[in-house]
Amino acid sequence: MVRIFREQQAKQGRSGWHVLVVLIVAMLLAVVVWGGVEFYGETIDNQANTPTQNSPQ
C-alpha cells in the first residue's frame, strides 16, 4: 500500500527561525573571535617594534 503525504508532512525538519538563529549566532561568534585575533595581532606587533632598554645603540 502506497502512503500519500502532504507537503507539510513530507518535510525533513521544521521550517522556522531555528536555523537562522544558529547561523546568526555563529556569524557573530566568528566576528568576535576575528576581532580578538586582530587585537592580539596588533598587540604583539607593537611589542615587537618597541625597542627595549637593554638593546645596543
PDB file of N, CA and C in Angstrom:
ATOM      1  N   MET A   1       0.834  -1.175   0.000  1.00  0.00           N
ATOM      2  CA  MET A   1       0.000   0.000   0.000  1.00  0.00           C
ATOM      3  C   MET A   1       0.892   1.256   0.000  1.00  0.00           C
ATOM      4  N   VAL A   2       0.629   2.175  -0.873  1.00  0.00           N
ATOM      5  CA  VAL A   2       1.400   3.404  -1.020  1.00  0.00           C
ATOM      6  C   VAL A   2       0.767   4.484  -0.143  1.00  0.00           C
ATOM      7  N   ARG A   3       1.627   5.091   0.685  1.00  0.00           N
ATOM      8  CA  ARG A   3       1.130   6.179   1.526  1.00  0.00           C
ATOM      9  C   ARG A   3       1.341   7.500   0.794  1.00  0.00           C
ATOM     10  N   ILE A   4       0.369   8.345   0.828  1.00  0.00           N
ATOM     11  CA  ILE A   4       0.452   9.658   0.200  1.00  0.00           C
ATOM     12  C   ILE A   4       0.568  10.701   1.310  1.00  0.00           C
ATOM     13  N   PHE A   5       1.626  11.516   1.195  1.00  0.00           N
ATOM     14  CA  PHE A   5       1.886  12.546   2.196  1.00  0.00           C
ATOM     15  C   PHE A   5       1.646  13.917   1.603  1.00  0.00           C
ATOM     16  N   ARG A   6       1.153  14.799   2.423  1.00  0.00           N
ATOM     17  CA  ARG A   6       1.033  16.193   2.002  1.00  0.00           C
ATOM     18  C   ARG A   6       2.403  16.846   2.125  1.00  0.00           C
ATOM     19  N   GLU A   7       2.569  18.030   1.552  1.00  0.00           N
ATOM     20  CA  GLU A   7       3.861  18.724   1.549  1.00  0.00           C
ATOM     21  C   GLU A   7       4.364  18.979   2.966  1.00  0.00           C
ATOM     22  N   GLN A   8       3.520  19.413   3.858  1.00  0.00           N
ATOM     23  CA  GLN A   8       3.938  19.717   5.222  1.00  0.00           C
ATOM     24  C   GLN A   8       4.384  18.459   5.973  1.00  0.00           C
ATOM     25  N   GLN A   9       3.820  17.331   5.679  1.00  0.00           N
ATOM     26  CA  GLN A   9       4.191  16.082   6.349  1.00  0.00           C
ATOM     27  C   GLN A   9       5.475  15.492   5.777  1.00  0.00           C
ATOM     28  N   ALA A  10       5.806  15.805   4.537  1.00  0.00           N
ATOM     29  CA  ALA A  10       6.965  15.206   3.884  1.00  0.00           C
ATOM     30  C   ALA A  10       8.265  15.928   4.187  1.00  0.00           C
ATOM     31  N   LYS A  11       8.197  17.094   4.800  1.00  0.00           N
ATOM     32  CA  LYS A  11       9.408  17.846   5.087  1.00  0.00           C
ATOM     33  C   LYS A  11      10.252  17.130   6.123  1.00  0.00           C
ATOM     34  N   GLN A  12      11.588  17.255   5.995  1.00  0.00           N
ATOM     35  CA  GLN A  12      12.513  16.610   6.908  1.00  0.00           C
ATOM     36  C   GLN A  12      12.541  17.300   8.266  1.00  0.00           C
ATOM     37  N   GLY A  13      12.462  18.597   8.271  1.00  0.00           N
ATOM     38  CA  GLY A  13      12.538  19.334   9.528  1.00  0.00           C
ATOM     39  C   GLY A  13      11.551  20.469   9.541  1.00  0.00           C
ATOM     40  N   ARG A  14      11.489  21.121  10.683  1.00  0.00           N
ATOM     41  CA  ARG A  14      10.575  22.247  10.791  1.00  0.00           C
ATOM     42  C   ARG A  14      11.117  23.458  10.045  1.00  0.00           C
ATOM     43  N   SER A  15      10.223  24.175   9.431  1.00  0.00           N
ATOM     44  CA  SER A  15      10.643  25.468   8.890  1.00  0.00           C
ATOM     45  C   SER A  15      10.469  26.476  10.012  1.00  0.00           C
ATOM     46  N   GLY A  16      11.329  27.443  10.014  1.00  0.00           N
ATOM     47  CA  GLY A  16      11.216  28.420  11.087  1.00  0.00           C
ATOM     48  C   GLY A  16      12.519  29.146  11.285  1.00  0.00           C
ATOM     49  N   TRP A  17      12.664  29.689  12.463  1.00  0.00           N
ATOM     50  CA  TRP A  17      13.765  30.575  12.770  1.00  0.00           C
ATOM     51  C   TRP A  17      14.957  29.867  13.394  1.00  0.00           C
ATOM     52  N   HIS A  18      14.847  28.593  13.693  1.00  0.00           N
ATOM     53  CA  HIS A  18      15.907  27.898  14.404  1.00  0.00           C
ATOM     54  C   HIS A  18      17.234  27.910  13.643  1.00  0.00           C
ATOM     55  N   VAL A  19      17.197  27.559  12.398  1.00  0.00           N
ATOM     56  CA  VAL A  19      18.429  27.517  11.600  1.00  0.00           C
ATOM     57  C   VAL A  19      18.982  28.923  11.402  1.00  0.00           C
ATOM     58  N   LEU A  20      18.123  29.880  11.181  1.00  0.00           N
ATOM     59  CA  LEU A  20      18.563  31.259  11.005  1.00  0.00           C
ATOM     60  C   LEU A  20      19.228  31.784  12.276  1.00  0.00           C
ATOM     61  N   VAL A  21      18.674  31.464  13.429  1.00  0.00           N
ATOM     62  CA  VAL A  21      19.270  31.900  14.693  1.00  0.00           C
ATOM     63  C   VAL A  21      20.646  31.275  14.875  1.00  0.00           C
ATOM     64  N   VAL A  22      20.777  29.999  14.568  1.00  0.00           N
ATOM     65  CA  VAL A  22      22.072  29.328  14.695  1.00  0.00           C
ATOM     66  C   VAL A  22      23.095  29.971  13.755  1.00  0.00           C
ATOM     67  N   LEU A  23      22.711  30.269  12.536  1.00  0.00           N
ATOM     68  CA  LEU A  23      23.626  30.904  11.590  1.00  0.00           C
ATOM     69  C   LEU A  23      24.035  32.308  12.033  1.00  0.00           C
ATOM     70  N   ILE A  24      23.104  33.076  12.551  1.00  0.00           N
ATOM     71  CA  ILE A  24      23.416  34.429  13.005  1.00  0.00           C
ATOM     72  C   ILE A  24      24.339  34.384  14.220  1.00  0.00           C
ATOM     73  N   VAL A  25      24.060  33.497  15.169  1.00  0.00           N
ATOM     74  CA  VAL A  25      24.913  33.378  16.346  1.00  0.00           C
ATOM     75  C   VAL A  25      26.317  32.929  15.944  1.00  0.00           C
ATOM     76  N   ALA A  26      26.424  31.991  15.019  1.00  0.00           N
ATOM     77  CA  ALA A  26      27.736  31.538  14.557  1.00  0.00           C
ATOM     78  C   ALA A  26      28.492  32.671  13.870  1.00  0.00           C
ATOM     79  N   MET A  27      27.810  33.480  13.086  1.00  0.00           N
ATOM     80  CA  MET A  27      28.452  34.612  12.419  1.00  0.00           C
ATOM     81  C   MET A  27      28.936  35.640  13.434  1.00  0.00           C
ATOM     82  N   LEU A  28      28.123  35.944  14.429  1.00  0.00           N
ATOM     83  CA  LEU A  28      28.533  36.895  15.460  1.00  0.00           C
ATOM     84  C   LEU A  28      29.718  36.362  16.261  1.00  0.00           C
ATOM     85  N   LEU A  29      29.720  35.077  16.562  1.00  0.00           N
ATOM     86  CA  LEU A  29      30.841  34.483  17.274  1.00  0.00           C
ATOM     87  C   LEU A  29      32.110  34.547  16.436  1.00  0.00           C
ATOM     88  N   ALA A  30      32.006  34.314  15.146  1.00  0.00           N
ATOM     89  CA  ALA A  30      33.170  34.399  14.267  1.00  0.00           C
ATOM     90  C   ALA A  30      33.710  35.830  14.217  1.00  0.00           C
ATOM     91  N   VAL A  31      32.830  36.819  14.197  1.00  0.00           N
ATOM     92  CA  VAL A  31      33.264  38.221  14.177  1.00  0.00           C
ATOM     93  C   VAL A  31      33.962  38.584  15.486  1.00  0.00           C
ATOM     94  N   VAL A  32      33.444  38.101  16.617  1.00  0.00           N
ATOM     95  CA  VAL A  32      34.068  38.378  17.911  1.00  0.00           C
ATOM     96  C   VAL A  32      35.456  37.740  17.978  1.00  0.00           C
ATOM     97  N   VAL A  33      35.574  36.503  17.529  1.00  0.00           N
ATOM     98  CA  VAL A  33      36.878  35.823  17.539  1.00  0.00           C
ATOM     99  C   VAL A  33      37.845  36.534  16.601  1.00  0.00           C
ATOM    100  N   TRP A  34      37.383  36.926  15.429  1.00  0.00           N
ATOM    101  CA  TRP A  34      38.227  37.640  14.475  1.00  0.00           C
ATOM    102  C   TRP A  34      38.736  38.948  15.085  1.00  0.00           C
ATOM    103  N   GLY A  35      37.855  39.681  15.736  1.00  0.00           N
ATOM    104  CA  GLY A  35      38.247  40.920  16.395  1.00  0.00           C
ATOM    105  C   GLY A  35      39.286  40.669  17.480  1.00  0.00           C
ATOM    106  N   GLY A  36      39.119  39.605  18.242  1.00  0.00           N
ATOM    107  CA  GLY A  36      40.100  39.262  19.266  1.00  0.00           C
ATOM    108  C   GLY A  36      41.452  38.927  18.679  1.00  0.00           C
ATOM    109  N   VAL A  37      41.455  38.197  17.586  1.00  0.00           N
ATOM    110  CA  VAL A  37      42.716  37.846  16.924  1.00  0.00           C
ATOM    111  C   VAL A  37      43.375  39.092  16.339  1.00  0.00           C
ATOM    112  N   GLU A  38      42.593  39.986  15.765  1.00  0.00           N
ATOM    113  CA  GLU A  38      43.140  41.244  15.245  1.00  0.00           C
ATOM    114  C   GLU A  38      43.770  42.064  16.370  1.00  0.00           C
ATOM    115  N   PHE A  39      43.083  42.167  17.495  1.00  0.00           N
ATOM    116  CA  PHE A  39      43.594  42.922  18.631  1.00  0.00           C
ATOM    117  C   PHE A  39      44.881  42.294  19.157  1.00  0.00           C
ATOM    118  N   TYR A  40      44.887  40.974  19.293  1.00  0.00           N
ATOM    119  CA  TYR A  40      46.078  40.277  19.771  1.00  0.00           C
ATOM    120  C   TYR A  40      47.233  40.451  18.784  1.00  0.00           C
ATOM    121  N   GLY A  41      46.954  40.355  17.502  1.00  0.00           N
ATOM    122  CA  GLY A  41      47.987  40.521  16.485  1.00  0.00           C
ATOM    123  C   GLY A  41      48.593  41.906  16.515  1.00  0.00           C
ATOM    124  N   GLU A  42      47.778  42.929  16.676  1.00  0.00           N
ATOM    125  CA  GLU A  42      48.291  44.301  16.767  1.00  0.00           C
ATOM    126  C   GLU A  42      49.111  44.485  18.043  1.00  0.00           C
ATOM    127  N   THR A  43      48.680  43.850  19.120  1.00  0.00           N
ATOM    128  CA  THR A  43      49.397  43.977  20.387  1.00  0.00           C
ATOM    129  C   THR A  43      50.788  43.377  20.293  1.00  0.00           C
ATOM    130  N   ILE A  44      50.904  42.180  19.751  1.00  0.00           N
ATOM    131  CA  ILE A  44      52.226  41.555  19.676  1.00  0.00           C
ATOM    132  C   ILE A  44      53.079  42.227  18.603  1.00  0.00           C
ATOM    133  N   ASP A  45      52.456  42.803  17.577  1.00  0.00           N
ATOM    134  CA  ASP A  45      53.206  43.516  16.553  1.00  0.00           C
ATOM    135  C   ASP A  45      53.802  44.797  17.131  1.00  0.00           C
ATOM    136  N   ASN A  46      53.035  45.513  17.939  1.00  0.00           N
ATOM    137  CA  ASN A  46      53.538  46.732  18.566  1.00  0.00           C
ATOM    138  C   ASN A  46      54.638  46.429  19.575  1.00  0.00           C
ATOM    139  N   GLN A  47      54.539  45.312  20.263  1.00  0.00           N
ATOM    140  CA  GLN A  47      55.569  44.930  21.223  1.00  0.00           C
ATOM    141  C   GLN A  47      56.867  44.575  20.504  1.00  0.00           C
ATOM    142  N   ALA A  48      56.786  43.992  19.329  1.00  0.00           N
ATOM    143  CA  ALA A  48      57.984  43.611  18.580  1.00  0.00           C
ATOM    144  C   ALA A  48      58.711  44.846  18.046  1.00  0.00           C
ATOM    145  N   ASN A  49      58.007  45.924  17.756  1.00  0.00           N
ATOM    146  CA  ASN A  49      58.616  47.138  17.217  1.00  0.00           C
ATOM    147  C   ASN A  49      59.122  48.084  18.304  1.00  0.00           C
ATOM    148  N   THR A  50      58.756  47.842  19.550  1.00  0.00           N
ATOM    149  CA  THR A  50      59.175  48.714  20.648  1.00  0.00           C
ATOM    150  C   THR A  50      60.583  48.339  21.078  1.00  0.00           C
ATOM    151  N   PRO A  51      61.530  49.292  21.060  1.00  0.00           N
ATOM    152  CA  PRO A  51      62.896  48.961  21.491  1.00  0.00           C
ATOM    153  C   PRO A  51      62.935  48.735  23.004  1.00  0.00           C
ATOM    154  N   THR A  52      63.786  47.832  23.412  1.00  0.00           N
ATOM    155  CA  THR A  52      63.967  47.575  24.828  1.00  0.00           C
ATOM    156  C   THR A  52      65.137  48.394  25.341  1.00  0.00           C
ATOM    157  N   GLN A  53      65.225  48.538  26.661  1.00  0.00           N
ATOM    158  CA  GLN A  53      66.297  49.345  27.228  1.00  0.00           C
ATOM    159  C   GLN A  53      67.627  48.635  27.182  1.00  0.00           C
ATOM    160  N   ASN A  54      67.654  47.339  27.078  1.00  0.00           N
ATOM    161  CA  ASN A  54      68.903  46.584  27.058  1.00  0.00           C
ATOM    162  C   ASN A  54      69.480  46.433  25.657  1.00  0.00           C
ATOM    163  N   SER A  55      68.812  46.958  24.652  1.00  0.00           N
ATOM    164  CA  SER A  55      69.310  46.783  23.290  1.00  0.00           C
ATOM    165  C   SER A  55      70.491  47.725  23.039  1.00  0.00           C
ATOM    166  N   PRO A  56      71.489  47.251  22.290  1.00  0.00           N
ATOM    167  CA  PRO A  56      72.651  48.115  21.999  1.00  0.00           C
ATOM    168  C   PRO A  56      72.259  49.237  21.038  1.00  0.00           C
ATOM    169  N   GLN A  57      72.914  50.373  21.191  1.00  0.00           N
ATOM    170  CA  GLN A  57      72.555  51.524  20.347  1.00  0.00           C
ATOM    171  C   GLN A  57      73.569  51.774  19.302  1.00  0.00           C
TER     172      GLN A  57
END
